[in-house]
Protein backbone atom coordinates (compact mmCIF):
# COMPACT_ATOMS: atom_id res chain seq x y z
CA UNK A 1 -99.68 -45.62 149.33
CA UNK A 2 -99.46 -49.11 147.40
CA UNK A 3 -103.82 -48.63 146.84
CA UNK A 4 -102.90 -45.33 145.30
CA UNK A 5 -99.81 -46.38 143.49
CA UNK A 6 -100.06 -50.09 143.08
CA UNK A 7 -96.47 -51.08 141.91
CA UNK A 8 -94.40 -47.64 142.95
CA UNK A 9 -91.69 -49.97 144.95
CA UNK A 10 -90.60 -51.90 141.94
CA UNK A 11 -89.55 -48.06 140.29
CA UNK A 12 -87.67 -46.93 143.51
CA UNK A 13 -84.10 -45.56 142.11
CA UNK A 14 -82.48 -44.98 145.26
CA UNK A 15 -83.95 -44.80 148.82
CA UNK A 16 -82.91 -43.12 152.30
CA UNK A 17 -83.78 -43.14 155.44
CA UNK A 18 -82.39 -40.59 157.99
CA UNK A 19 -84.44 -40.98 161.34
CA UNK A 20 -82.03 -38.77 163.50
CA UNK A 21 -82.29 -35.56 161.12
CA UNK A 22 -83.15 -32.49 162.71
CA UNK A 23 -85.82 -30.82 161.44
CA UNK A 24 -85.96 -26.94 161.64
CA UNK A 25 -88.09 -24.67 160.19
CA UNK A 26 -87.57 -20.51 159.09
CA UNK A 27 -88.96 -18.43 162.32
CA UNK A 28 -91.89 -16.75 161.36
CA UNK A 29 -91.59 -13.25 161.66
CA UNK A 30 -93.45 -9.81 162.03
CA UNK A 31 -90.67 -8.03 160.16
CA UNK A 32 -91.42 -11.60 156.93
CA UNK A 33 -94.99 -9.82 157.26
CA UNK A 34 -95.52 -13.71 159.59
CA UNK A 35 -97.07 -16.58 157.06
CA UNK A 36 -98.15 -14.11 154.30
CA UNK A 37 -95.23 -12.55 153.87
CA UNK A 38 -93.93 -16.13 152.89
CA UNK A 39 -94.21 -16.67 149.01
CA UNK A 40 -97.87 -17.71 146.92
CA UNK A 41 -97.40 -20.97 145.07
CA UNK A 42 -97.66 -19.82 141.63
CA UNK A 43 -94.31 -18.24 140.59
CA UNK A 44 -94.53 -14.53 140.13
CA UNK A 45 -92.83 -14.56 137.19
CA UNK A 46 -94.12 -17.48 135.15
CA UNK A 47 -97.86 -18.16 134.19
CA UNK A 48 -96.91 -21.45 133.92
CA UNK A 49 -95.13 -21.85 137.50
CA UNK A 50 -95.98 -23.53 140.85
CA UNK A 51 -94.29 -23.78 143.78
CA UNK A 52 -95.03 -26.11 146.79
CA UNK A 53 -93.62 -26.97 150.21
CA UNK A 54 -92.92 -26.38 154.18
CA UNK A 55 -91.74 -22.77 153.34
CA UNK A 56 -94.94 -21.83 150.76
CA UNK A 57 -97.91 -20.22 151.73
CA UNK A 58 -99.44 -18.17 154.46
CA UNK A 59 -101.36 -21.71 156.14
CA UNK A 60 -99.27 -23.49 158.47
CA UNK A 61 -95.43 -24.84 159.02
CA UNK A 62 -93.64 -28.08 158.19
CA UNK A 63 -96.17 -30.34 156.70
CA UNK A 64 -99.09 -28.35 156.80
CA UNK A 65 -98.23 -25.76 154.46
CA UNK A 66 -96.50 -28.38 152.48
CA UNK A 67 -99.89 -30.02 151.66
CA UNK A 68 -101.30 -26.58 151.83
CA UNK A 69 -98.74 -25.41 148.98
CA UNK A 70 -99.16 -28.41 147.51
CA UNK A 71 -102.71 -28.08 147.10
CA UNK A 72 -103.01 -24.45 146.33
CA UNK A 73 -100.70 -25.01 143.53
CA UNK A 74 -102.67 -28.40 141.68
CA UNK A 75 -105.09 -26.58 141.73
CA UNK A 76 -103.89 -23.78 140.09
CA UNK A 77 -102.31 -25.77 137.75
CA UNK A 78 -106.16 -27.39 136.94
CA UNK A 79 -107.48 -23.82 136.29
CA UNK A 80 -105.16 -22.37 134.25
CA UNK A 81 -105.03 -26.15 132.14
CA UNK A 82 -108.92 -25.34 131.47
CA UNK A 83 -109.22 -21.71 131.05
CA UNK A 84 -108.33 -19.77 127.41
CA UNK A 85 -104.97 -18.81 126.49
CA UNK A 86 -103.90 -15.52 127.83
CA UNK A 87 -105.97 -15.92 131.23
CA UNK A 88 -104.51 -16.69 134.37
CA UNK A 89 -105.88 -18.53 137.04
CA UNK A 90 -105.34 -16.60 140.38
CA UNK A 91 -106.46 -17.67 143.55
CA UNK A 92 -107.49 -15.84 146.90
CA UNK A 93 -103.34 -16.81 148.41
CA UNK A 94 -101.59 -14.66 145.15
CA UNK A 95 -104.63 -12.00 145.75
CA UNK A 96 -103.32 -11.54 149.11
CA UNK A 97 -99.87 -11.71 148.36
CA UNK A 98 -100.21 -9.53 145.67
CA UNK A 99 -101.81 -6.73 147.58
CA UNK A 100 -99.29 -6.95 150.28
CA UNK A 101 -96.78 -6.07 148.55
């Protein structure tokens, strides 16, 4: 972190360390569409809102899903930033989710 963002520790407002925190994730079920049943990174009702987290997108669980959905959200935001107004970026993940619904 220090290499990417030197001095970040000086800007920390609050810090919390929870070594015994129990972590669980949502059960992935066929009834919910499996991994593809989770919401896509692009918010359905807004062209300029993206989400990321361990419960988002069709890949991975916990940190894998968080990293994958963050990467997808960042790519969609960057793609939209270079497109003319009125055209929205649509990723393969969004297309899969739209076809499923």
